[in-house]
Each structure stands twice: as structure tokens, then as C-alpha cells.
PDB file of N, CA and C in Angstrom:
ATOM      1  N   MET A   1     110.990  75.544  92.746  1.00  0.00           N
ATOM      2  CA  MET A   1     110.142  75.729  93.902  1.00  0.00           C
ATOM      3  C   MET A   1     110.861  75.278  95.174  1.00  0.00           C
ATOM      4  N   LYS A   2     111.724  74.254  95.055  1.00  0.00           N
ATOM      5  CA  LYS A   2     112.434  73.766  96.233  1.00  0.00           C
ATOM      6  C   LYS A   2     113.366  74.845  96.785  1.00  0.00           C
ATOM      7  N   THR A   3     114.020  75.595  95.914  1.00  0.00           N
ATOM      8  CA  THR A   3     114.911  76.674  96.358  1.00  0.00           C
ATOM      9  C   THR A   3     114.122  77.738  97.106  1.00  0.00           C
ATOM     10  N   THR A   4     112.964  78.113  96.584  1.00  0.00           N
ATOM     11  CA  THR A   4     112.116  79.112  97.243  1.00  0.00           C
ATOM     12  C   THR A   4     111.679  78.609  98.608  1.00  0.00           C
ATOM     13  N   HIS A   5     111.311  77.340  98.682  1.00  0.00           N
ATOM     14  CA  HIS A   5     110.895  76.756  99.959  1.00  0.00           C
ATOM     15  C   HIS A   5     112.042  76.781 100.974  1.00  0.00           C
ATOM     16  N   CYS A   6     113.233  76.450 100.538  1.00  0.00           N
ATOM     17  CA  CYS A   6     114.398  76.456 101.437  1.00  0.00           C
ATOM     18  C   CYS A   6     114.706  77.870 101.933  1.00  0.00           C
ATOM     19  N   ILE A   7     114.684  78.836 101.036  1.00  0.00           N
ATOM     20  CA  ILE A   7     114.973  80.223 101.416  1.00  0.00           C
ATOM     21  C   ILE A   7     113.929  80.735 102.398  1.00  0.00           C
ATOM     22  N   THR A   8     112.656  80.490 102.089  1.00  0.00           N
ATOM     23  CA  THR A   8     111.599  80.977 102.985  1.00  0.00           C
ATOM     24  C   THR A   8     111.655  80.273 104.337  1.00  0.00           C
ATOM     25  N   SER A   9     112.004  78.998 104.339  1.00  0.00           N
ATOM     26  CA  SER A   9     112.124  78.278 105.611  1.00  0.00           C
ATOM     27  C   SER A   9     113.236  78.873 106.475  1.00  0.00           C
ATOM     28  N   VAL A  10     114.369  79.184 105.865  1.00  0.00           N
ATOM     29  CA  VAL A  10     115.482  79.796 106.600  1.00  0.00           C
ATOM     30  C   VAL A  10     115.069  81.154 107.156  1.00  0.00           C
ATOM     31  N   LEU A  11     114.389  81.962 106.348  1.00  0.00           N
ATOM     32  CA  LEU A  11     113.956  83.280 106.811  1.00  0.00           C
ATOM     33  C   LEU A  11     112.952  83.169 107.962  1.00  0.00           C
ATOM     34  N   VAL A  12     112.057  82.208 107.898  1.00  0.00           N
ATOM     35  CA  VAL A  12     111.090  82.031 108.984  1.00  0.00           C
ATOM     36  C   VAL A  12     111.800  81.546 110.252  1.00  0.00           C
ATOM     37  N   ILE A  13     112.783  80.685 110.108  1.00  0.00           N
ATOM     38  CA  ILE A  13     113.562  80.248 111.271  1.00  0.00           C
ATOM     39  C   ILE A  13     114.316  81.419 111.883  1.00  0.00           C
ATOM     40  N   ILE A  14     114.909  82.268 111.055  1.00  0.00           N
ATOM     41  CA  ILE A  14     115.586  83.470 111.554  1.00  0.00           C
ATOM     42  C   ILE A  14     114.595  84.345 112.315  1.00  0.00           C
ATOM     43  N   GLY A  15     113.404  84.520 111.756  1.00  0.00           N
ATOM     44  CA  GLY A  15     112.377  85.316 112.421  1.00  0.00           C
ATOM     45  C   GLY A  15     111.967  84.715 113.755  1.00  0.00           C
ATOM     46  N   ALA A  16     111.818  83.403 113.791  1.00  0.00           N
ATOM     47  CA  ALA A  16     111.430  82.732 115.036  1.00  0.00           C
ATOM     48  C   ALA A  16     112.518  82.880 116.098  1.00  0.00           C
ATOM     49  N   LEU A  17     113.766  82.709 115.704  1.00  0.00           N
ATOM     50  CA  LEU A  17     114.867  82.871 116.660  1.00  0.00           C
ATOM     51  C   LEU A  17     114.970  84.308 117.151  1.00  0.00           C
ATOM     52  N   ASN A  18     114.720  85.253 116.260  1.00  0.00           N
ATOM     53  CA  ASN A  18     114.737  86.655 116.684  1.00  0.00           C
ATOM     54  C   ASN A  18     113.635  86.927 117.704  1.00  0.00           C
ATOM     55  N   TRP A  19     112.444  86.338 117.498  1.00  0.00           N
ATOM     56  CA  TRP A  19     111.362  86.500 118.481  1.00  0.00           C
ATOM     57  C   TRP A  19     111.745  85.890 119.822  1.00  0.00           C
ATOM     58  N   LEU A  20     112.455  84.764 119.789  1.00  0.00           N
ATOM     59  CA  LEU A  20     112.930  84.174 121.038  1.00  0.00           C
ATOM     60  C   LEU A  20     113.852  85.151 121.768  1.00  0.00           C
ATOM     61  N   LEU A  21     114.749  85.779 121.024  1.00  0.00           N
ATOM     62  CA  LEU A  21     115.662  86.753 121.631  1.00  0.00           C
ATOM     63  C   LEU A  21     114.924  87.993 122.118  1.00  0.00           C
ATOM     64  N   VAL A  22     113.893  88.412 121.388  1.00  0.00           N
ATOM     65  CA  VAL A  22     113.088  89.566 121.806  1.00  0.00           C
ATOM     66  C   VAL A  22     112.438  89.283 123.163  1.00  0.00           C
ATOM     67  N   ALA A  23     112.072  88.033 123.398  1.00  0.00           N
ATOM     68  CA  ALA A  23     111.487  87.664 124.690  1.00  0.00           C
ATOM     69  C   ALA A  23     112.462  87.922 125.841  1.00  0.00           C
ATOM     70  N   PHE A  24     113.749  87.916 125.520  1.00  0.00           N
ATOM     71  CA  PHE A  24     114.790  88.206 126.517  1.00  0.00           C
ATOM     72  C   PHE A  24     115.350  89.620 126.343  1.00  0.00           C
ATOM     73  N   ASN A  25     114.540  90.484 125.725  1.00  0.00           N
ATOM     74  CA  ASN A  25     114.868  91.908 125.544  1.00  0.00           C
ATOM     75  C   ASN A  25     116.116  92.156 124.699  1.00  0.00           C
ATOM     76  N   TRP A  26     116.316  91.337 123.684  1.00  0.00           N
ATOM     77  CA  TRP A  26     117.422  91.571 122.765  1.00  0.00           C
ATOM     78  C   TRP A  26     116.973  91.246 121.352  1.00  0.00           C
ATOM     79  N   ASN A  27     116.985  92.229 120.464  1.00  0.00           N
ATOM     80  CA  ASN A  27     116.548  92.063 119.088  1.00  0.00           C
ATOM     81  C   ASN A  27     117.786  91.994 118.199  1.00  0.00           C
ATOM     82  N   LEU A  28     118.074  90.803 117.697  1.00  0.00           N
ATOM     83  CA  LEU A  28     119.280  90.589 116.891  1.00  0.00           C
ATOM     84  C   LEU A  28     119.268  91.402 115.605  1.00  0.00           C
ATOM     85  N   VAL A  29     118.135  91.456 114.923  1.00  0.00           N
ATOM     86  CA  VAL A  29     118.046  92.196 113.668  1.00  0.00           C
ATOM     87  C   VAL A  29     118.347  93.676 113.908  1.00  0.00           C
ATOM     88  N   ASP A  30     117.736  94.246 114.945  1.00  0.00           N
ATOM     89  CA  ASP A  30     118.002  95.647 115.269  1.00  0.00           C
ATOM     90  C   ASP A  30     119.439  95.856 115.728  1.00  0.00           C
ATOM     91  N   ALA A  31     120.003  94.878 116.428  1.00  0.00           N
ATOM     92  CA  ALA A  31     121.385  94.990 116.886  1.00  0.00           C
ATOM     93  C   ALA A  31     122.360  95.005 115.709  1.00  0.00           C
ATOM     94  N   ILE A  32     122.062  94.235 114.688  1.00  0.00           N
ATOM     95  CA  ILE A  32     122.954  94.161 113.523  1.00  0.00           C
ATOM     96  C   ILE A  32     122.762  95.352 112.597  1.00  0.00           C
ATOM     97  N   PHE A  33     121.508  95.682 112.283  1.00  0.00           N
ATOM     98  CA  PHE A  33     121.235  96.684 111.259  1.00  0.00           C
ATOM     99  C   PHE A  33     120.798  98.041 111.808  1.00  0.00           C
ATOM    100  N   GLY A  34     120.503  98.115 113.093  1.00  0.00           N
ATOM    101  CA  GLY A  34     120.045  99.378 113.679  1.00  0.00           C
ATOM    102  C   GLY A  34     118.531  99.398 113.793  1.00  0.00           C
ATOM    103  N   ALA A  35     118.049  99.812 114.951  1.00  0.00           N
ATOM    104  CA  ALA A  35     116.609  99.853 115.191  1.00  0.00           C
ATOM    105  C   ALA A  35     115.936 100.831 114.238  1.00  0.00           C
ATOM    106  N   GLY A  36     114.916 100.367 113.555  1.00  0.00           N
ATOM    107  CA  GLY A  36     114.157 101.219 112.652  1.00  0.00           C
ATOM    108  C   GLY A  36     114.854 101.536 111.345  1.00  0.00           C
ATOM    109  N   SER A  37     115.988 100.891 111.065  1.00  0.00           N
ATOM    110  CA  SER A  37     116.705 101.169 109.817  1.00  0.00           C
ATOM    111  C   SER A  37     115.967 100.548 108.634  1.00  0.00           C
ATOM    112  N   THR A  38     116.298 101.021 107.462  1.00  0.00           N
ATOM    113  CA  THR A  38     115.687 100.494 106.242  1.00  0.00           C
ATOM    114  C   THR A  38     116.002  99.008 106.088  1.00  0.00           C
ATOM    115  N   MET A  39     117.220  98.613 106.397  1.00  0.00           N
ATOM    116  CA  MET A  39     117.602  97.211 106.255  1.00  0.00           C
ATOM    117  C   MET A  39     116.829  96.328 107.233  1.00  0.00           C
ATOM    118  N   SER A  40     116.622  96.803 108.447  1.00  0.00           N
ATOM    119  CA  SER A  40     115.814  96.044 109.410  1.00  0.00           C
ATOM    120  C   SER A  40     114.399  95.855 108.875  1.00  0.00           C
ATOM    121  N   MET A  41     113.834  96.912 108.311  1.00  0.00           N
ATOM    122  CA  MET A  41     112.480  96.816 107.762  1.00  0.00           C
ATOM    123  C   MET A  41     112.431  95.832 106.596  1.00  0.00           C
ATOM    124  N   VAL A  42     113.469  95.815 105.760  1.00  0.00           N
ATOM    125  CA  VAL A  42     113.531  94.872 104.639  1.00  0.00           C
ATOM    126  C   VAL A  42     113.565  93.439 105.168  1.00  0.00           C
ATOM    127  N   ILE A  43     114.373  93.195 106.208  1.00  0.00           N
ATOM    128  CA  ILE A  43     114.448  91.860 106.806  1.00  0.00           C
ATOM    129  C   ILE A  43     113.086  91.453 107.352  1.00  0.00           C
ATOM    130  N   TYR A  44     112.435  92.348 108.093  1.00  0.00           N
ATOM    131  CA  TYR A  44     111.114  92.033 108.660  1.00  0.00           C
ATOM    132  C   TYR A  44     110.092  91.753 107.553  1.00  0.00           C
ATOM    133  N   ILE A  45     110.131  92.514 106.484  1.00  0.00           N
ATOM    134  CA  ILE A  45     109.206  92.308 105.360  1.00  0.00           C
ATOM    135  C   ILE A  45     109.466  90.951 104.701  1.00  0.00           C
ATOM    136  N   LEU A  46     110.739  90.619 104.470  1.00  0.00           N
ATOM    137  CA  LEU A  46     111.066  89.331 103.857  1.00  0.00           C
ATOM    138  C   LEU A  46     110.649  88.159 104.742  1.00  0.00           C
ATOM    139  N   VAL A  47     110.845  88.282 106.044  1.00  0.00           N
ATOM    140  CA  VAL A  47     110.422  87.223 106.972  1.00  0.00           C
ATOM    141  C   VAL A  47     108.897  87.090 106.940  1.00  0.00           C
ATOM    142  N   GLY A  48     108.183  88.211 106.934  1.00  0.00           N
ATOM    143  CA  GLY A  48     106.719  88.176 106.877  1.00  0.00           C
ATOM    144  C   GLY A  48     106.200  87.559 105.594  1.00  0.00           C
ATOM    145  N   ILE A  49     106.770  87.940 104.475  1.00  0.00           N
ATOM    146  CA  ILE A  49     106.368  87.370 103.185  1.00  0.00           C
ATOM    147  C   ILE A  49     106.683  85.875 103.151  1.00  0.00           C
ATOM    148  N   SER A  50     107.813  85.492 103.725  1.00  0.00           N
ATOM    149  CA  SER A  50     108.176  84.071 103.781  1.00  0.00           C
ATOM    150  C   SER A  50     107.166  83.282 104.594  1.00  0.00           C
ATOM    151  N   GLY A  51     106.720  83.850 105.704  1.00  0.00           N
ATOM    152  CA  GLY A  51     105.700  83.184 106.515  1.00  0.00           C
ATOM    153  C   GLY A  51     104.407  82.987 105.745  1.00  0.00           C
ATOM    154  N   ILE A  52     103.997  84.011 105.025  1.00  0.00           N
ATOM    155  CA  ILE A  52     102.778  83.918 104.208  1.00  0.00           C
ATOM    156  C   ILE A  52     102.948  82.849 103.129  1.00  0.00           C
ATOM    157  N   PHE A  53     104.114  82.833 102.483  1.00  0.00           N
ATOM    158  CA  PHE A  53     104.389  81.841 101.449  1.00  0.00           C
ATOM    159  C   PHE A  53     104.301  80.426 102.016  1.00  0.00           C
ATOM    160  N   LEU A  54     104.894  80.217 103.197  1.00  0.00           N
ATOM    161  CA  LEU A  54     104.863  78.883 103.796  1.00  0.00           C
ATOM    162  C   LEU A  54     103.456  78.480 104.224  1.00  0.00           C
ATOM    163  N   ILE A  55     102.666  79.434 104.686  1.00  0.00           N
ATOM    164  CA  ILE A  55     101.277  79.129 105.036  1.00  0.00           C
ATOM    165  C   ILE A  55     100.526  78.642 103.798  1.00  0.00           C
ATOM    166  N   ILE A  56     100.717  79.326 102.690  1.00  0.00           N
ATOM    167  CA  ILE A  56      99.990  79.001 101.455  1.00  0.00           C
ATOM    168  C   ILE A  56     100.448  77.672 100.868  1.00  0.00           C
ATOM    169  N   THR A  57     101.757  77.388 100.918  1.00  0.00           N
ATOM    170  CA  THR A  57     102.291  76.196 100.253  1.00  0.00           C
ATOM    171  C   THR A  57     102.567  75.039 101.209  1.00  0.00           C
ATOM    172  N   HIS A  58     102.258  75.188 102.473  1.00  0.00           N
ATOM    173  CA  HIS A  58     102.633  74.186 103.471  1.00  0.00           C
ATOM    174  C   HIS A  58     102.105  72.792 103.155  1.00  0.00           C
ATOM    175  N   LYS A  59     100.844  72.670 102.922  1.00  0.00           N
ATOM    176  CA  LYS A  59     100.243  71.346 102.741  1.00  0.00           C
ATOM    177  C   LYS A  59     100.842  70.616 101.539  1.00  0.00           C
ATOM    178  N   LYS A  60     101.154  71.351 100.492  1.00  0.00           N
ATOM    179  CA  LYS A  60     101.724  70.741  99.299  1.00  0.00           C
ATOM    180  C   LYS A  60     103.156  70.259  99.543  1.00  0.00           C
ATOM    181  N   ASN A  61     103.909  70.977 100.383  1.00  0.00           N
ATOM    182  CA  ASN A  61     105.322  70.664 100.589  1.00  0.00           C
ATOM    183  C   ASN A  61     105.612  69.809 101.809  1.00  0.00           C
ATOM    184  N   CYS A  62     104.659  69.656 102.717  1.00  0.00           N
ATOM    185  CA  CYS A  62     104.912  68.987 103.992  1.00  0.00           C
ATOM    186  C   CYS A  62     104.657  67.489 103.881  1.00  0.00           C
ATOM    187  N   LYS A  63     105.713  66.704 104.023  1.00  0.00           N
ATOM    188  CA  LYS A  63     105.580  65.257 103.938  1.00  0.00           C
ATOM    189  C   LYS A  63     104.828  64.692 105.142  1.00  0.00           C
ATOM    190  N   ALA A  64     104.999  65.283 106.307  1.00  0.00           N
ATOM    191  CA  ALA A  64     104.297  64.805 107.505  1.00  0.00           C
ATOM    192  C   ALA A  64     102.802  65.032 107.382  1.00  0.00           C
ATOM    193  N   CYS A  65     102.383  66.158 106.848  1.00  0.00           N
ATOM    194  CA  CYS A  65     100.953  66.423 106.665  1.00  0.00           C
ATOM    195  C   CYS A  65     100.357  65.497 105.624  1.00  0.00           C
ATOM    196  N   ASP A  66     101.129  65.188 104.598  1.00  0.00           N
ATOM    197  CA  ASP A  66     100.667  64.296 103.546  1.00  0.00           C
ATOM    198  C   ASP A  66     100.388  62.915 104.127  1.00  0.00           C
ATOM    199  N   LYS A  67     101.242  62.427 105.035  1.00  0.00           N
ATOM    200  CA  LYS A  67     101.040  61.115 105.640  1.00  0.00           C
ATOM    201  C   LYS A  67      99.845  61.097 106.582  1.00  0.00           C
ATOM    202  N   SER A  68      99.667  62.177 107.350  1.00  0.00           N
ATOM    203  CA  SER A  68      98.568  62.192 108.309  1.00  0.00           C
ATOM    204  C   SER A  68      97.211  62.239 107.622  1.00  0.00           C
ATOM    205  N   VAL A  69      97.136  62.845 106.453  1.00  0.00           N
ATOM    206  CA  VAL A  69      95.869  62.895 105.715  1.00  0.00           C
ATOM    207  C   VAL A  69      95.496  61.488 105.262  1.00  0.00           C
ATOM    208  N   GLY A  70      96.464  60.716 104.809  1.00  0.00           N
ATOM    209  CA  GLY A  70      96.203  59.356 104.353  1.00  0.00           C
ATOM    210  C   GLY A  70      95.772  58.442 105.484  1.00  0.00           C
ATOM    211  N   GLN A  71      96.291  58.647 106.677  1.00  0.00           N
ATOM    212  CA  GLN A  71      95.943  57.823 107.822  1.00  0.00           C
ATOM    213  C   GLN A  71      94.562  58.129 108.353  1.00  0.00           C
ATOM    214  N   ALA A  72      94.106  59.358 108.203  1.00  0.00           N
ATOM    215  CA  ALA A  72      92.808  59.758 108.730  1.00  0.00           C
ATOM    216  C   ALA A  72      91.669  59.117 107.956  1.00  0.00           C
ATOM    217  N   MET A  73      91.906  58.753 106.723  1.00  0.00           N
ATOM    218  CA  MET A  73      90.839  58.213 105.884  1.00  0.00           C
ATOM    219  C   MET A  73      90.768  56.753 105.965  1.00  0.00           C
TER     220      MET A  73
END
């Protein structure tokens, strides 16, 4: 599970950095693989699935959230 968490975290970070670049009118994924290419779509799908995975497993894997829950009680 740790390997999956690491891979999904890297993909979400890549997605976040790409969104930062999109804000400056430059899409790194499209620049590397071509706008609308199959590979670009695969990257976007993997980043999206990674985000969903992290949303679902976040509380179980996040040490900071685990500590804040204990302090609230």
C-alpha cells in the first residue's frame, strides 16, 4: 500500500504543477505528449484516479490528520 500511496502522491503533484503552468498558459503534459494525444489522456486519467485514491485513503495514511483528531477530543 505504501508504494501505491507514493506513486499516487507523485502523480497528484505532477498534476498540481501542470495546473500551475496552465495558469501561465503553458501545459507541460500537452507540450511533451501533444495536445489531445492518447498519451496525454492516459496521463490525465492516471492523475485523476490518483486524486480519487488519495481522497479515499487520506485519513488512514495522513499522520498530521491522525494527530489532529486526537487533540480535538
